[in-house]
């Protein structure tokens, strides 16, 4: 079965909208497009390259697909552009608009069911880029095998997020992490079952907890 990774650039307050440039996604008058640019350096490229240089096909929402399709075919001289050009692009959409970028494939109907069926087909593992609307139904259905969050030290106030309150609950296990010189926290998580519940009332509180109210 194919594995599915979601890779997210997000602000400290959980906004993932338009990290790459001012015109990327101005939906709802978002004013901060390009907010990730000045935080990129070699110390972030190193952990991110493990994600972007892996062997995968893309899983995208229609808006992200349109953004990528208008940019990357014209930048095949770049490493990522050449990779995106040759791999499969699976697009979850309710639109009948043709998908003109080569190696593009339409997925329709219920998002979770469509992705569940795709994961059972032979082929490369899958990587979500952008595509905020895909996360709540796929997280709720337990279809994301690894969630990679790159959290940037900036607060944006409002904008698109991978969470909408309907994604369900569950524990995660940290499997990889790094911190860049500019303060970006790179963390990779895998599902770890149900949320563990406990209580400090079950035993004597730690010395640290005793001083928490001082």
N, C-alpha and C. Protein backbone atom coordinates (compact mmCIF):
# COMPACT_ATOMS: atom_id res chain seq x y z
N UNK A 1 0.84 -1.20 0.00
CA UNK A 1 0.00 0.00 0.00
C UNK A 1 0.88 1.25 0.00
N UNK A 2 0.49 2.22 -0.80
CA UNK A 2 1.24 3.49 -0.81
C UNK A 2 1.12 4.20 0.54
N UNK A 3 2.19 4.85 0.95
CA UNK A 3 2.18 5.68 2.14
C UNK A 3 1.90 7.13 1.74
N UNK A 4 1.21 7.86 2.59
CA UNK A 4 0.86 9.25 2.33
C UNK A 4 1.50 10.15 3.37
N UNK A 5 2.28 11.12 2.88
CA UNK A 5 2.90 12.14 3.73
C UNK A 5 2.28 13.49 3.43
N UNK A 6 1.93 14.22 4.47
CA UNK A 6 1.52 15.61 4.34
C UNK A 6 2.63 16.50 4.83
N UNK A 7 3.09 17.43 3.99
CA UNK A 7 4.18 18.33 4.36
C UNK A 7 3.65 19.76 4.40
N UNK A 8 3.71 20.39 5.56
CA UNK A 8 3.03 21.65 5.79
C UNK A 8 4.01 22.73 6.22
N UNK A 9 3.96 23.88 5.55
CA UNK A 9 4.61 25.09 6.05
C UNK A 9 3.53 25.86 6.81
N UNK A 10 3.77 26.16 8.07
CA UNK A 10 2.76 26.90 8.80
C UNK A 10 3.39 27.90 9.77
N UNK A 11 2.60 28.92 10.08
CA UNK A 11 3.02 29.92 11.05
C UNK A 11 2.85 29.37 12.47
N UNK A 12 3.33 30.12 13.45
CA UNK A 12 3.22 29.70 14.84
C UNK A 12 1.77 29.54 15.26
N UNK A 13 0.87 30.32 14.65
CA UNK A 13 -0.55 30.22 14.98
C UNK A 13 -1.32 29.36 13.97
N UNK A 14 -0.60 28.53 13.21
CA UNK A 14 -1.25 27.50 12.42
C UNK A 14 -1.74 27.88 11.05
N UNK A 15 -1.32 29.03 10.51
CA UNK A 15 -1.74 29.45 9.17
C UNK A 15 -0.76 28.91 8.14
N UNK A 16 -1.29 28.28 7.08
CA UNK A 16 -0.43 27.71 6.05
C UNK A 16 -0.62 28.40 4.70
N UNK A 17 -1.42 29.43 4.64
CA UNK A 17 -1.79 30.05 3.37
C UNK A 17 -0.65 30.83 2.74
N UNK A 18 -0.41 30.60 1.45
CA UNK A 18 0.48 31.41 0.62
C UNK A 18 1.87 31.65 1.22
N UNK A 19 2.60 30.60 1.57
CA UNK A 19 3.95 30.83 2.11
C UNK A 19 4.95 31.27 1.06
N UNK A 20 4.66 31.02 -0.24
CA UNK A 20 5.68 31.18 -1.26
C UNK A 20 5.79 32.53 -1.93
N UNK A 21 4.71 33.32 -1.95
CA UNK A 21 4.78 34.59 -2.65
C UNK A 21 3.51 35.40 -2.51
N UNK A 22 3.57 36.72 -2.77
CA UNK A 22 2.43 37.61 -2.57
C UNK A 22 1.20 37.26 -3.38
N UNK A 23 1.39 36.69 -4.57
CA UNK A 23 0.26 36.39 -5.45
C UNK A 23 -0.16 34.92 -5.40
N UNK A 24 0.42 34.16 -4.50
CA UNK A 24 0.17 32.72 -4.49
C UNK A 24 -1.29 32.39 -4.18
N UNK A 25 -1.84 32.98 -3.13
CA UNK A 25 -3.22 32.70 -2.76
C UNK A 25 -3.75 33.85 -1.90
N UNK A 26 -4.33 34.89 -2.56
CA UNK A 26 -4.85 36.04 -1.80
C UNK A 26 -6.28 35.86 -1.32
N UNK A 27 -6.79 34.62 -1.28
CA UNK A 27 -8.16 34.35 -0.85
C UNK A 27 -8.47 35.04 0.48
N UNK A 28 -9.66 35.62 0.58
CA UNK A 28 -10.13 36.31 1.80
C UNK A 28 -9.20 37.47 2.16
N UNK A 29 -8.64 38.10 1.13
CA UNK A 29 -7.78 39.27 1.30
C UNK A 29 -6.57 38.99 2.19
N UNK A 30 -6.02 37.79 2.05
CA UNK A 30 -4.81 37.46 2.82
C UNK A 30 -3.67 38.38 2.39
N UNK A 31 -3.02 39.03 3.36
CA UNK A 31 -2.07 40.10 3.08
C UNK A 31 -0.61 39.71 3.18
N UNK A 32 -0.32 38.48 3.62
CA UNK A 32 1.06 38.15 3.97
C UNK A 32 1.68 37.10 3.07
N UNK A 33 1.21 36.98 1.84
CA UNK A 33 1.77 35.99 0.92
C UNK A 33 3.28 36.14 0.80
N UNK A 34 3.99 35.03 0.92
CA UNK A 34 5.45 35.05 0.87
C UNK A 34 6.11 35.10 2.23
N UNK A 35 5.33 34.78 3.28
CA UNK A 35 5.83 34.94 4.65
C UNK A 35 6.95 33.98 5.01
N UNK A 36 7.15 32.90 4.25
CA UNK A 36 8.22 31.95 4.60
C UNK A 36 9.57 32.29 3.99
N UNK A 37 9.57 33.17 3.00
CA UNK A 37 10.76 33.39 2.16
C UNK A 37 12.01 33.73 2.95
N UNK A 38 11.94 34.68 3.84
CA UNK A 38 13.14 35.17 4.53
C UNK A 38 13.65 34.24 5.62
N UNK A 39 12.93 33.14 5.86
CA UNK A 39 13.38 32.18 6.86
C UNK A 39 14.12 31.00 6.25
N UNK A 40 14.18 30.94 4.91
CA UNK A 40 14.85 29.80 4.27
C UNK A 40 16.36 29.95 4.30
N UNK A 41 17.03 28.90 4.68
CA UNK A 41 18.49 28.87 4.63
C UNK A 41 18.93 27.41 4.53
N UNK A 42 20.22 27.17 4.50
CA UNK A 42 20.73 25.82 4.33
C UNK A 42 20.34 24.89 5.48
N UNK A 43 20.18 25.45 6.67
CA UNK A 43 19.85 24.60 7.81
C UNK A 43 18.40 24.13 7.78
N UNK A 44 17.55 24.79 6.99
CA UNK A 44 16.19 24.30 6.76
C UNK A 44 16.13 23.43 5.52
N UNK A 45 16.94 23.77 4.52
CA UNK A 45 16.97 22.96 3.29
C UNK A 45 17.36 21.52 3.58
N UNK A 46 18.26 21.31 4.53
CA UNK A 46 18.75 19.96 4.79
C UNK A 46 17.63 19.01 5.23
N UNK A 47 16.84 19.33 6.27
CA UNK A 47 15.75 18.39 6.62
C UNK A 47 14.64 18.37 5.58
N UNK A 48 14.35 19.52 4.95
CA UNK A 48 13.28 19.56 3.96
C UNK A 48 13.63 18.74 2.73
N UNK A 49 14.91 18.65 2.39
CA UNK A 49 15.32 17.88 1.22
C UNK A 49 14.98 16.40 1.37
N UNK A 50 14.93 15.91 2.62
CA UNK A 50 14.56 14.52 2.83
C UNK A 50 13.12 14.26 2.39
N UNK A 51 12.30 15.30 2.43
CA UNK A 51 10.90 15.18 2.01
C UNK A 51 10.78 15.40 0.51
N UNK A 52 11.31 16.51 0.04
CA UNK A 52 11.08 16.91 -1.35
C UNK A 52 11.90 16.09 -2.34
N UNK A 53 12.99 15.47 -1.89
CA UNK A 53 13.83 14.66 -2.78
C UNK A 53 13.51 13.18 -2.71
N UNK A 54 12.49 12.81 -1.94
CA UNK A 54 12.08 11.41 -1.86
C UNK A 54 11.39 10.99 -3.16
N UNK A 55 11.04 9.72 -3.25
CA UNK A 55 10.35 9.20 -4.43
C UNK A 55 8.85 9.19 -4.16
N UNK A 56 8.09 10.01 -4.88
CA UNK A 56 6.67 10.16 -4.59
C UNK A 56 5.92 10.65 -5.83
N UNK A 57 4.59 10.53 -5.76
CA UNK A 57 3.67 11.24 -6.63
C UNK A 57 2.97 12.29 -5.79
N UNK A 58 2.48 13.34 -6.42
CA UNK A 58 1.82 14.42 -5.71
C UNK A 58 0.32 14.16 -5.56
N UNK A 59 -0.22 14.51 -4.40
CA UNK A 59 -1.65 14.53 -4.16
C UNK A 59 -2.01 15.98 -3.83
N UNK A 60 -2.91 16.57 -4.65
CA UNK A 60 -3.16 18.00 -4.56
C UNK A 60 -4.65 18.32 -4.59
N UNK A 61 -5.02 19.42 -3.94
CA UNK A 61 -6.31 20.03 -4.15
C UNK A 61 -6.25 20.87 -5.42
N UNK A 62 -7.42 21.25 -5.93
CA UNK A 62 -7.47 21.92 -7.23
C UNK A 62 -6.78 23.28 -7.21
N UNK A 63 -6.94 24.06 -6.15
CA UNK A 63 -6.32 25.38 -6.13
C UNK A 63 -4.79 25.27 -6.14
N UNK A 64 -4.24 24.37 -5.33
CA UNK A 64 -2.79 24.19 -5.33
C UNK A 64 -2.32 23.66 -6.68
N UNK A 65 -3.08 22.74 -7.25
CA UNK A 65 -2.73 22.22 -8.58
C UNK A 65 -2.65 23.36 -9.60
N UNK A 66 -3.63 24.25 -9.59
CA UNK A 66 -3.62 25.36 -10.55
C UNK A 66 -2.41 26.27 -10.34
N UNK A 67 -2.06 26.51 -9.07
CA UNK A 67 -0.88 27.33 -8.77
C UNK A 67 0.38 26.66 -9.31
N UNK A 68 0.53 25.38 -9.01
CA UNK A 68 1.71 24.63 -9.46
C UNK A 68 1.76 24.54 -10.99
N UNK A 69 0.60 24.27 -11.60
CA UNK A 69 0.56 24.07 -13.05
C UNK A 69 0.88 25.34 -13.82
N UNK A 70 0.65 26.48 -13.21
CA UNK A 70 0.96 27.74 -13.88
C UNK A 70 2.42 28.16 -13.69
N UNK A 71 3.11 27.51 -12.75
CA UNK A 71 4.48 27.91 -12.43
C UNK A 71 5.53 26.87 -12.83
N UNK A 72 5.39 25.65 -12.33
CA UNK A 72 6.48 24.69 -12.44
C UNK A 72 6.78 24.22 -13.87
N UNK A 73 5.82 24.08 -14.76
CA UNK A 73 6.18 23.70 -16.13
C UNK A 73 7.10 24.71 -16.81
N UNK A 74 7.09 25.95 -16.32
CA UNK A 74 7.95 26.99 -16.88
C UNK A 74 9.28 27.10 -16.14
N UNK A 75 9.51 26.20 -15.19
CA UNK A 75 10.75 26.23 -14.40
C UNK A 75 11.34 24.82 -14.29
N UNK A 76 11.37 24.12 -15.40
CA UNK A 76 11.91 22.77 -15.40
C UNK A 76 13.43 22.73 -15.29
N UNK A 77 14.05 23.91 -15.40
CA UNK A 77 15.49 23.98 -15.19
C UNK A 77 15.83 23.87 -13.70
N UNK A 78 14.82 24.03 -12.84
CA UNK A 78 15.01 23.85 -11.41
C UNK A 78 14.75 22.40 -11.03
N UNK A 79 15.44 21.97 -9.99
CA UNK A 79 15.35 20.57 -9.56
C UNK A 79 13.92 20.15 -9.28
N UNK A 80 13.19 20.97 -8.51
CA UNK A 80 11.82 20.60 -8.16
C UNK A 80 10.92 20.65 -9.38
N UNK A 81 11.12 21.63 -10.24
CA UNK A 81 10.31 21.75 -11.44
C UNK A 81 10.43 20.53 -12.34
N UNK A 82 11.64 20.04 -12.51
CA UNK A 82 11.86 18.86 -13.35
C UNK A 82 11.21 17.64 -12.72
N UNK A 83 11.30 17.51 -11.41
CA UNK A 83 10.70 16.37 -10.72
C UNK A 83 9.18 16.42 -10.84
N UNK A 84 8.59 17.58 -10.54
CA UNK A 84 7.14 17.70 -10.60
C UNK A 84 6.61 17.43 -12.01
N UNK A 85 7.41 17.77 -13.01
CA UNK A 85 6.97 17.58 -14.39
C UNK A 85 6.80 16.09 -14.73
N UNK A 86 7.68 15.25 -14.24
CA UNK A 86 7.70 13.86 -14.68
C UNK A 86 6.84 12.93 -13.84
N UNK A 87 6.52 13.33 -12.61
CA UNK A 87 5.77 12.44 -11.74
C UNK A 87 4.26 12.61 -11.96
N UNK A 88 3.48 11.71 -11.38
CA UNK A 88 2.03 11.80 -11.45
C UNK A 88 1.52 12.86 -10.48
N UNK A 89 0.50 13.58 -10.93
CA UNK A 89 -0.20 14.55 -10.08
C UNK A 89 -1.65 14.08 -9.95
N UNK A 90 -2.05 13.68 -8.74
CA UNK A 90 -3.42 13.26 -8.48
C UNK A 90 -4.16 14.44 -7.86
N UNK A 91 -5.29 14.82 -8.48
CA UNK A 91 -5.97 16.07 -8.11
C UNK A 91 -7.39 15.77 -7.66
N UNK A 92 -7.68 16.09 -6.42
CA UNK A 92 -9.04 15.96 -5.90
C UNK A 92 -9.83 17.20 -6.28
N UNK A 93 -10.86 17.02 -7.10
CA UNK A 93 -11.61 18.17 -7.59
C UNK A 93 -13.03 17.75 -7.95
N UNK A 94 -13.95 18.69 -7.78
CA UNK A 94 -15.33 18.50 -8.24
C UNK A 94 -15.55 19.18 -9.59
N UNK A 95 -14.53 19.82 -10.09
CA UNK A 95 -14.63 20.54 -11.36
C UNK A 95 -14.42 19.60 -12.55
N UNK A 96 -15.09 19.91 -13.67
CA UNK A 96 -14.88 19.17 -14.91
C UNK A 96 -13.82 19.82 -15.79
N UNK A 97 -13.20 20.88 -15.29
CA UNK A 97 -12.18 21.58 -16.06
C UNK A 97 -11.01 20.64 -16.38
N UNK A 98 -10.57 20.62 -17.64
CA UNK A 98 -9.46 19.73 -18.01
C UNK A 98 -8.20 20.00 -17.20
N UNK A 99 -7.46 18.93 -16.93
CA UNK A 99 -6.18 19.05 -16.23
C UNK A 99 -5.08 18.99 -17.29
N UNK A 100 -4.56 20.14 -17.65
CA UNK A 100 -3.67 20.23 -18.81
C UNK A 100 -2.22 19.85 -18.55
N UNK A 101 -1.79 19.83 -17.30
CA UNK A 101 -0.41 19.50 -16.98
C UNK A 101 -0.21 18.00 -17.18
N UNK A 102 0.81 17.62 -17.92
CA UNK A 102 0.99 16.21 -18.23
C UNK A 102 1.15 15.37 -16.97
N UNK A 103 0.72 14.13 -17.07
CA UNK A 103 0.73 13.16 -15.96
C UNK A 103 -0.19 13.58 -14.82
N UNK A 104 -1.28 14.29 -15.16
CA UNK A 104 -2.26 14.69 -14.15
C UNK A 104 -3.47 13.76 -14.22
N UNK A 105 -4.01 13.43 -13.04
CA UNK A 105 -5.11 12.47 -12.95
C UNK A 105 -6.17 13.02 -12.00
N UNK A 106 -7.40 13.00 -12.42
CA UNK A 106 -8.51 13.52 -11.62
C UNK A 106 -9.00 12.47 -10.63
N UNK A 107 -9.21 12.90 -9.39
CA UNK A 107 -9.89 12.10 -8.37
C UNK A 107 -11.16 12.84 -7.99
N UNK A 108 -12.29 12.16 -8.02
CA UNK A 108 -13.55 12.83 -7.72
C UNK A 108 -14.31 12.06 -6.66
N UNK A 109 -15.41 12.66 -6.21
CA UNK A 109 -16.21 12.03 -5.17
C UNK A 109 -15.69 12.33 -3.78
N UNK A 110 -16.03 11.47 -2.84
CA UNK A 110 -15.61 11.65 -1.45
C UNK A 110 -14.09 11.59 -1.35
N UNK A 111 -13.50 12.61 -0.72
CA UNK A 111 -12.04 12.71 -0.67
C UNK A 111 -11.40 11.52 0.01
N UNK A 112 -11.93 11.13 1.17
CA UNK A 112 -11.34 10.02 1.92
C UNK A 112 -11.42 8.72 1.14
N UNK A 113 -12.56 8.46 0.53
CA UNK A 113 -12.72 7.22 -0.21
C UNK A 113 -11.83 7.19 -1.44
N UNK A 114 -11.73 8.33 -2.14
CA UNK A 114 -10.88 8.40 -3.33
C UNK A 114 -9.42 8.15 -2.98
N UNK A 115 -8.96 8.74 -1.87
CA UNK A 115 -7.56 8.58 -1.47
C UNK A 115 -7.31 7.18 -0.94
N UNK A 116 -8.28 6.61 -0.23
CA UNK A 116 -8.14 5.24 0.26
C UNK A 116 -7.95 4.28 -0.92
N UNK A 117 -8.72 4.46 -1.96
CA UNK A 117 -8.60 3.61 -3.15
C UNK A 117 -7.26 3.84 -3.85
N UNK A 118 -6.83 5.10 -3.93
CA UNK A 118 -5.56 5.41 -4.57
C UNK A 118 -4.40 4.76 -3.82
N UNK A 119 -4.43 4.79 -2.50
CA UNK A 119 -3.35 4.21 -1.70
C UNK A 119 -3.23 2.71 -1.92
N UNK A 120 -4.29 2.08 -2.34
CA UNK A 120 -4.27 0.63 -2.54
C UNK A 120 -3.79 0.23 -3.93
N UNK A 121 -3.53 1.21 -4.79
CA UNK A 121 -3.03 0.91 -6.13
C UNK A 121 -1.51 0.84 -6.11
N UNK A 122 -0.89 0.13 -7.08
CA UNK A 122 0.57 0.11 -7.14
C UNK A 122 1.11 1.46 -7.58
N UNK A 123 2.29 1.80 -7.10
CA UNK A 123 2.90 3.07 -7.50
C UNK A 123 3.72 3.67 -6.38
N UNK A 124 4.19 4.87 -6.63
CA UNK A 124 5.01 5.57 -5.64
C UNK A 124 4.17 5.96 -4.42
N UNK A 125 4.86 6.26 -3.33
CA UNK A 125 4.19 6.88 -2.19
C UNK A 125 3.67 8.25 -2.61
N UNK A 126 2.87 8.87 -1.76
CA UNK A 126 2.17 10.10 -2.09
C UNK A 126 2.59 11.22 -1.15
N UNK A 127 2.66 12.45 -1.70
CA UNK A 127 3.04 13.63 -0.93
C UNK A 127 2.03 14.74 -1.18
N UNK A 128 1.46 15.28 -0.12
CA UNK A 128 0.61 16.46 -0.22
C UNK A 128 1.47 17.70 -0.08
N UNK A 129 1.30 18.64 -1.00
CA UNK A 129 1.90 19.96 -0.88
C UNK A 129 0.76 20.98 -0.92
N UNK A 130 0.81 22.00 -0.05
CA UNK A 130 -0.30 22.94 0.00
C UNK A 130 -1.59 22.21 0.33
N UNK A 131 -2.68 22.57 -0.41
CA UNK A 131 -3.91 21.78 -0.40
C UNK A 131 -4.52 21.65 0.99
N UNK A 132 -4.79 22.77 1.64
CA UNK A 132 -5.29 22.76 3.01
C UNK A 132 -6.60 21.99 3.15
N UNK A 133 -7.46 22.00 2.13
CA UNK A 133 -8.77 21.37 2.26
C UNK A 133 -8.69 19.84 2.33
N UNK A 134 -7.55 19.26 1.95
CA UNK A 134 -7.44 17.81 1.98
C UNK A 134 -7.23 17.26 3.40
N UNK A 135 -6.64 18.07 4.26
CA UNK A 135 -6.21 17.54 5.56
C UNK A 135 -7.34 17.10 6.49
N UNK A 136 -8.37 17.92 6.74
CA UNK A 136 -9.39 17.47 7.70
C UNK A 136 -10.01 16.13 7.36
N UNK A 137 -10.49 15.90 6.12
CA UNK A 137 -11.09 14.58 5.87
C UNK A 137 -10.09 13.44 5.89
N UNK A 138 -8.85 13.68 5.46
CA UNK A 138 -7.86 12.61 5.44
C UNK A 138 -7.33 12.31 6.83
N UNK A 139 -7.18 13.33 7.66
CA UNK A 139 -6.79 13.10 9.05
C UNK A 139 -7.90 12.35 9.80
N UNK A 140 -9.13 12.76 9.58
CA UNK A 140 -10.26 12.12 10.25
C UNK A 140 -10.36 10.64 9.88
N UNK A 141 -10.04 10.32 8.61
CA UNK A 141 -10.12 8.94 8.13
C UNK A 141 -8.86 8.14 8.43
N UNK A 142 -7.85 8.77 9.04
CA UNK A 142 -6.62 8.07 9.39
C UNK A 142 -5.79 7.68 8.17
N UNK A 143 -5.82 8.50 7.13
CA UNK A 143 -5.15 8.14 5.88
C UNK A 143 -3.78 8.78 5.72
N UNK A 144 -3.40 9.68 6.61
CA UNK A 144 -2.08 10.31 6.52
C UNK A 144 -1.11 9.52 7.40
N UNK A 145 -0.09 8.95 6.78
CA UNK A 145 0.85 8.09 7.49
C UNK A 145 1.97 8.87 8.16
N UNK A 146 2.27 10.03 7.63
CA UNK A 146 3.30 10.88 8.24
C UNK A 146 2.92 12.34 8.01
N UNK A 147 2.99 13.14 9.07
CA UNK A 147 2.69 14.56 9.00
C UNK A 147 3.97 15.33 9.31
N UNK A 148 4.47 16.04 8.32
CA UNK A 148 5.68 16.83 8.47
C UNK A 148 5.27 18.29 8.59
N UNK A 149 5.56 18.89 9.73
CA UNK A 149 5.19 20.28 10.00
C UNK A 149 6.44 21.12 10.12
N UNK A 150 6.53 22.14 9.29
CA UNK A 150 7.61 23.12 9.39
C UNK A 150 7.01 24.40 9.92
N UNK A 151 7.26 24.68 11.18
CA UNK A 151 6.62 25.80 11.87
C UNK A 151 7.57 27.00 11.93
N UNK A 152 7.13 28.08 11.30
CA UNK A 152 7.95 29.28 11.16
C UNK A 152 7.65 30.26 12.29
N UNK A 153 8.67 30.98 12.76
CA UNK A 153 8.48 31.90 13.89
C UNK A 153 7.84 33.22 13.45
N UNK A 154 6.57 33.13 13.07
CA UNK A 154 5.81 34.30 12.65
C UNK A 154 4.35 34.05 13.00
N UNK A 155 3.63 35.10 13.38
CA UNK A 155 2.21 35.03 13.69
C UNK A 155 1.45 35.79 12.62
N UNK A 156 0.48 35.13 11.97
CA UNK A 156 -0.22 35.73 10.83
C UNK A 156 -1.66 36.13 11.15
N UNK A 157 -2.21 35.67 12.25
CA UNK A 157 -3.52 36.13 12.68
C UNK A 157 -4.68 35.35 12.11
N UNK A 158 -4.75 35.23 10.79
CA UNK A 158 -5.85 34.49 10.19
C UNK A 158 -5.43 34.00 8.81
N UNK A 159 -6.07 32.93 8.35
CA UNK A 159 -5.74 32.35 7.06
C UNK A 159 -6.05 30.86 7.08
N UNK A 160 -5.77 30.19 5.99
CA UNK A 160 -6.09 28.77 5.86
C UNK A 160 -5.21 27.93 6.78
N UNK A 161 -5.81 26.85 7.28
CA UNK A 161 -5.12 25.95 8.19
C UNK A 161 -5.43 24.51 7.80
N UNK A 162 -4.60 23.57 8.23
CA UNK A 162 -4.92 22.17 7.96
C UNK A 162 -5.97 21.64 8.92
N UNK A 163 -6.30 22.40 9.95
CA UNK A 163 -7.29 21.97 10.94
C UNK A 163 -8.53 22.85 10.84
N UNK A 164 -9.71 22.21 10.84
CA UNK A 164 -10.95 22.97 10.82
C UNK A 164 -11.89 22.56 11.95
N UNK A 165 -11.39 21.76 12.90
CA UNK A 165 -12.20 21.31 14.03
C UNK A 165 -12.92 20.01 13.79
N UNK A 166 -12.84 19.48 12.56
CA UNK A 166 -13.53 18.24 12.23
C UNK A 166 -12.58 17.08 11.95
N UNK A 167 -11.30 17.27 12.25
CA UNK A 167 -10.31 16.28 11.86
C UNK A 167 -10.22 15.09 12.81
N UNK A 168 -10.95 15.12 13.91
CA UNK A 168 -10.89 14.01 14.85
C UNK A 168 -9.72 14.16 15.81
N UNK A 169 -9.61 13.23 16.73
CA UNK A 169 -8.59 13.29 17.77
C UNK A 169 -7.68 12.07 17.66
N UNK A 170 -6.44 12.24 18.09
CA UNK A 170 -5.51 11.13 18.09
C UNK A 170 -4.14 11.58 18.55
N UNK A 171 -3.35 10.64 19.02
CA UNK A 171 -1.99 10.94 19.46
C UNK A 171 -1.04 10.82 18.28
N UNK A 172 0.09 11.51 18.38
CA UNK A 172 1.13 11.45 17.37
C UNK A 172 2.47 11.13 18.03
N UNK A 173 3.32 10.49 17.27
CA UNK A 173 4.65 10.15 17.75
C UNK A 173 5.68 10.94 16.94
N UNK A 174 6.56 11.66 17.62
CA UNK A 174 7.62 12.39 16.94
C UNK A 174 8.69 11.42 16.45
N UNK A 175 8.95 11.41 15.13
CA UNK A 175 9.92 10.47 14.58
C UNK A 175 11.16 11.15 14.02
N UNK A 176 11.10 12.46 13.86
CA UNK A 176 12.26 13.20 13.35
C UNK A 176 12.06 14.67 13.68
N UNK A 177 13.15 15.37 13.98
CA UNK A 177 13.01 16.80 14.25
C UNK A 177 14.33 17.52 14.02
N UNK A 178 14.22 18.81 13.78
CA UNK A 178 15.38 19.68 13.61
C UNK A 178 14.92 21.11 13.81
N UNK A 179 15.85 21.99 14.13
CA UNK A 179 15.56 23.41 14.27
C UNK A 179 16.58 24.17 13.44
N UNK A 180 16.09 25.03 12.54
CA UNK A 180 17.00 25.78 11.68
C UNK A 180 17.62 26.95 12.44
N UNK A 181 18.66 27.51 11.87
CA UNK A 181 19.33 28.65 12.50
C UNK A 181 18.42 29.87 12.62
N UNK A 182 17.38 29.94 11.78
CA UNK A 182 16.46 31.07 11.82
C UNK A 182 15.19 30.75 12.61
N UNK A 183 15.20 29.62 13.32
CA UNK A 183 14.13 29.33 14.24
C UNK A 183 12.95 28.56 13.69
N UNK A 184 13.09 27.97 12.50
CA UNK A 184 12.02 27.14 11.96
C UNK A 184 12.14 25.75 12.59
N UNK A 185 11.03 25.26 13.15
CA UNK A 185 11.01 23.95 13.78
C UNK A 185 10.47 22.93 12.76
N UNK A 186 11.30 21.96 12.42
CA UNK A 186 10.92 20.89 11.51
C UNK A 186 10.62 19.66 12.35
N UNK A 187 9.40 19.14 12.23
CA UNK A 187 9.01 17.98 13.04
C UNK A 187 8.18 17.03 12.20
N UNK A 188 8.53 15.75 12.23
CA UNK A 188 7.80 14.72 11.50
C UNK A 188 7.11 13.82 12.52
N UNK A 189 5.82 13.59 12.29
CA UNK A 189 5.02 12.81 13.22
C UNK A 189 4.36 11.63 12.50
N UNK A 190 4.12 10.56 13.25
CA UNK A 190 3.34 9.44 12.75
C UNK A 190 2.23 9.13 13.75
N UNK A 191 1.10 8.59 13.28
CA UNK A 191 -0.02 8.30 14.19
C UNK A 191 0.41 7.35 15.31
N UNK A 192 -0.15 7.58 16.49
CA UNK A 192 0.21 6.77 17.66
C UNK A 192 -1.02 6.39 18.47
N UNK A 193 -2.12 6.13 17.80
CA UNK A 193 -3.30 5.64 18.49
C UNK A 193 -4.14 6.74 19.12
N UNK A 194 -4.89 6.36 20.14
CA UNK A 194 -5.80 7.28 20.79
C UNK A 194 -5.05 8.27 21.70
N UNK A 195 -5.72 9.37 21.99
CA UNK A 195 -5.14 10.37 22.89
C UNK A 195 -5.02 9.77 24.29
N UNK A 196 -3.82 9.72 24.86
CA UNK A 196 -3.67 9.17 26.22
C UNK A 196 -4.20 10.15 27.26
N UNK A 197 -4.92 9.63 28.21
CA UNK A 197 -5.52 10.46 29.25
C UNK A 197 -4.93 10.09 30.60
N UNK A 198 -4.62 11.10 31.41
CA UNK A 198 -4.10 10.87 32.75
C UNK A 198 -4.49 12.01 33.65
N UNK A 199 -4.02 11.98 34.88
CA UNK A 199 -4.34 13.04 35.83
C UNK A 199 -3.21 13.19 36.83
N UNK A 200 -2.88 14.43 37.11
CA UNK A 200 -1.88 14.70 38.14
C UNK A 200 -2.40 14.31 39.53
N UNK A 201 -3.74 14.14 39.64
CA UNK A 201 -4.32 13.74 40.93
C UNK A 201 -4.09 12.28 41.24
N UNK A 202 -3.59 11.50 40.27
CA UNK A 202 -3.37 10.08 40.50
C UNK A 202 -2.14 9.80 41.37
N UNK A 203 -1.32 10.81 41.56
CA UNK A 203 -0.12 10.62 42.36
C UNK A 203 0.40 11.97 42.80
N UNK A 204 1.45 11.99 43.58
CA UNK A 204 1.99 13.28 44.02
C UNK A 204 2.54 14.06 42.84
N UNK A 205 2.24 15.34 42.74
CA UNK A 205 2.75 16.14 41.64
C UNK A 205 4.26 16.28 41.72
N UNK A 206 4.85 16.49 40.59
CA UNK A 206 6.29 16.69 40.56
C UNK A 206 6.65 18.02 41.20
N UNK A 207 7.91 18.19 41.50
CA UNK A 207 8.38 19.45 42.09
C UNK A 207 8.08 20.60 41.14
N UNK A 208 8.23 20.34 39.84
CA UNK A 208 7.96 21.38 38.84
C UNK A 208 6.50 21.76 38.86
N UNK A 209 5.60 20.75 38.91
CA UNK A 209 4.16 21.03 38.91
C UNK A 209 3.76 21.78 40.17
N UNK A 210 4.39 21.48 41.31
CA UNK A 210 4.06 22.15 42.57
C UNK A 210 4.34 23.63 42.48
N UNK A 211 5.36 24.00 41.71
CA UNK A 211 5.72 25.40 41.61
C UNK A 211 5.03 26.13 40.48
N UNK A 212 4.15 25.42 39.75
CA UNK A 212 3.55 26.01 38.57
C UNK A 212 2.63 27.17 38.90
N UNK A 213 2.04 27.16 40.11
CA UNK A 213 1.10 28.22 40.44
C UNK A 213 1.73 29.40 41.15
N UNK A 214 3.03 29.35 41.35
CA UNK A 214 3.68 30.44 42.10
C UNK A 214 3.83 31.69 41.24
